[in-house]
């Protein structure tokens, strides 16, 4: 369940970054209008890459997230305890579990979009 929650947080973060990148594009265009100049193409291209990269990150994570309903997910009967270690007054337990996996095509598409998004952020 924490894996799915992590994916959902990453989607939210990607959407927030997308909103910030779009706002930055708006600022570049607004500043150019105030100075009666054309917006610098290099700045627009840079922000365009951030916008596209954010979309790819969000879509890639959506495709990569396994289809599981966290609120009604039953306990996994196949989970097995591997190790229990006392840690600062609490017991930390390591278990195996079989989370549902997304279809292979979805994983490949998610991986490709994530890689493309990463490349766009490095430019």
Protein backbone atom coordinates (compact mmCIF):
# COMPACT_ATOMS: atom_id res chain seq x y z
CA UNK A 1 0.00 0.00 0.00
CA UNK A 2 2.88 2.40 0.73
CA UNK A 3 4.25 1.80 -2.76
CA UNK A 4 0.96 2.91 -4.30
CA UNK A 5 0.81 5.90 -1.96
CA UNK A 6 4.35 6.82 -3.04
CA UNK A 7 3.29 6.66 -6.68
CA UNK A 8 0.30 8.88 -5.94
CA UNK A 9 2.51 11.42 -4.14
CA UNK A 10 4.89 11.43 -7.12
CA UNK A 11 1.95 12.13 -9.45
CA UNK A 12 0.83 15.02 -7.24
CA UNK A 13 4.40 16.38 -7.14
CA UNK A 14 4.68 16.11 -10.93
CA UNK A 15 1.42 18.00 -11.37
CA UNK A 16 2.61 20.72 -8.98
CA UNK A 17 5.85 21.03 -10.93
CA UNK A 18 3.85 21.17 -14.17
CA UNK A 19 1.76 24.02 -12.75
CA UNK A 20 4.93 25.91 -11.76
CA UNK A 21 6.49 25.37 -15.20
CA UNK A 22 3.32 26.64 -16.90
CA UNK A 23 3.29 29.67 -14.60
CA UNK A 24 6.92 30.37 -15.52
CA UNK A 25 5.98 30.28 -19.23
CA UNK A 26 3.22 32.78 -18.45
CA UNK A 27 5.74 35.03 -16.63
CA UNK A 28 8.17 34.91 -19.59
CA UNK A 29 5.42 35.91 -22.03
CA UNK A 30 3.99 38.59 -19.70
CA UNK A 31 7.44 40.13 -19.12
CA UNK A 32 8.06 40.23 -22.87
CA UNK A 33 4.72 41.95 -23.46
CA UNK A 34 5.51 44.58 -20.83
CA UNK A 35 8.82 45.36 -22.49
CA UNK A 36 7.27 45.26 -26.00
CA UNK A 37 9.67 42.51 -27.08
CA UNK A 38 9.30 38.96 -28.29
CA UNK A 39 9.74 36.36 -25.58
CA UNK A 40 13.25 34.86 -25.68
CA UNK A 41 13.02 31.60 -27.62
CA UNK A 42 15.68 29.96 -25.45
CA UNK A 43 13.70 30.60 -22.26
CA UNK A 44 10.47 29.39 -23.85
CA UNK A 45 12.22 26.24 -25.10
CA UNK A 46 13.71 25.59 -21.67
CA UNK A 47 10.35 25.93 -19.92
CA UNK A 48 8.68 23.91 -22.67
CA UNK A 49 11.03 21.03 -21.87
CA UNK A 50 10.10 21.30 -18.18
CA UNK A 51 6.40 21.25 -19.10
CA UNK A 52 6.78 18.21 -21.36
CA UNK A 53 9.04 16.45 -18.84
CA UNK A 54 6.51 17.02 -16.04
CA UNK A 55 3.72 15.58 -18.18
CA UNK A 56 5.87 12.55 -19.02
CA UNK A 57 6.74 12.01 -15.34
CA UNK A 58 3.06 12.19 -14.32
CA UNK A 59 1.78 9.96 -17.13
CA UNK A 60 4.64 7.51 -16.70
CA UNK A 61 3.92 7.19 -12.99
CA UNK A 62 0.19 6.71 -13.64
CA UNK A 63 1.00 3.91 -16.07
CA UNK A 64 3.51 2.39 -13.63
CA UNK A 65 1.19 2.45 -10.58
CA UNK A 66 -0.39 -0.96 -9.94
CA UNK A 67 -4.20 -1.04 -9.93
CA UNK A 68 -4.94 -1.51 -6.24
CA UNK A 69 -7.60 0.06 -4.05
CA UNK A 70 -5.68 0.98 -0.91
CA UNK A 71 -8.79 1.54 1.21
CA UNK A 72 -10.35 -1.88 0.61
CA UNK A 73 -7.27 -3.99 -0.06
CA UNK A 74 -7.49 -7.21 1.93
CA UNK A 75 -4.53 -8.47 3.91
CA UNK A 76 -2.28 -10.55 1.72
CA UNK A 77 -2.74 -14.19 2.81
CA UNK A 78 0.46 -15.19 1.01
CA UNK A 79 2.66 -12.78 2.98
CA UNK A 80 5.31 -14.47 5.10
CA UNK A 81 7.35 -13.00 7.91
CA UNK A 82 11.05 -13.14 7.11
CA UNK A 83 12.66 -11.25 9.96
CA UNK A 84 11.65 -9.42 13.14
CA UNK A 85 14.15 -7.05 14.75
CA UNK A 86 13.66 -5.02 17.93
CA UNK A 87 14.47 -1.37 17.16
CA UNK A 88 14.25 1.39 19.79
CA UNK A 89 11.45 -0.28 21.70
CA UNK A 90 9.50 -1.31 18.60
CA UNK A 91 9.63 -4.42 16.50
CA UNK A 92 10.40 -3.96 12.81
CA UNK A 93 9.12 -6.86 10.73
CA UNK A 94 10.22 -7.67 7.20
CA UNK A 95 7.61 -9.58 5.21
CA UNK A 96 7.20 -10.82 1.68
CA UNK A 97 4.10 -9.79 -0.17
CA UNK A 98 2.63 -10.17 -3.61
CA UNK A 99 1.42 -6.75 -4.73
CA UNK A 100 -0.49 -6.72 -7.98
CA UNK A 101 1.80 -5.73 -10.80
CA UNK A 102 0.86 -3.46 -13.68
CA UNK A 103 0.75 -5.08 -17.13
CA UNK A 104 4.12 -5.41 -18.86
CA UNK A 105 3.16 -2.95 -21.62
CA UNK A 106 2.23 -0.36 -18.99
CA UNK A 107 5.56 -0.82 -17.20
CA UNK A 108 7.48 -0.41 -20.45
CA UNK A 109 5.50 2.70 -21.40
CA UNK A 110 5.98 4.13 -17.89
CA UNK A 111 9.70 3.42 -18.01
CA UNK A 112 10.10 5.05 -21.42
CA UNK A 113 8.17 8.18 -20.40
CA UNK A 114 10.17 8.42 -17.16
CA UNK A 115 13.46 8.17 -19.07
CA UNK A 116 12.34 10.78 -21.62
CA UNK A 117 11.21 13.05 -18.78
CA UNK A 118 14.59 12.61 -17.08
CA UNK A 119 16.45 13.48 -20.27
CA UNK A 120 14.32 16.59 -20.77
CA UNK A 121 15.12 17.76 -17.23
CA UNK A 122 18.86 17.40 -17.86
CA UNK A 123 18.85 19.58 -20.96
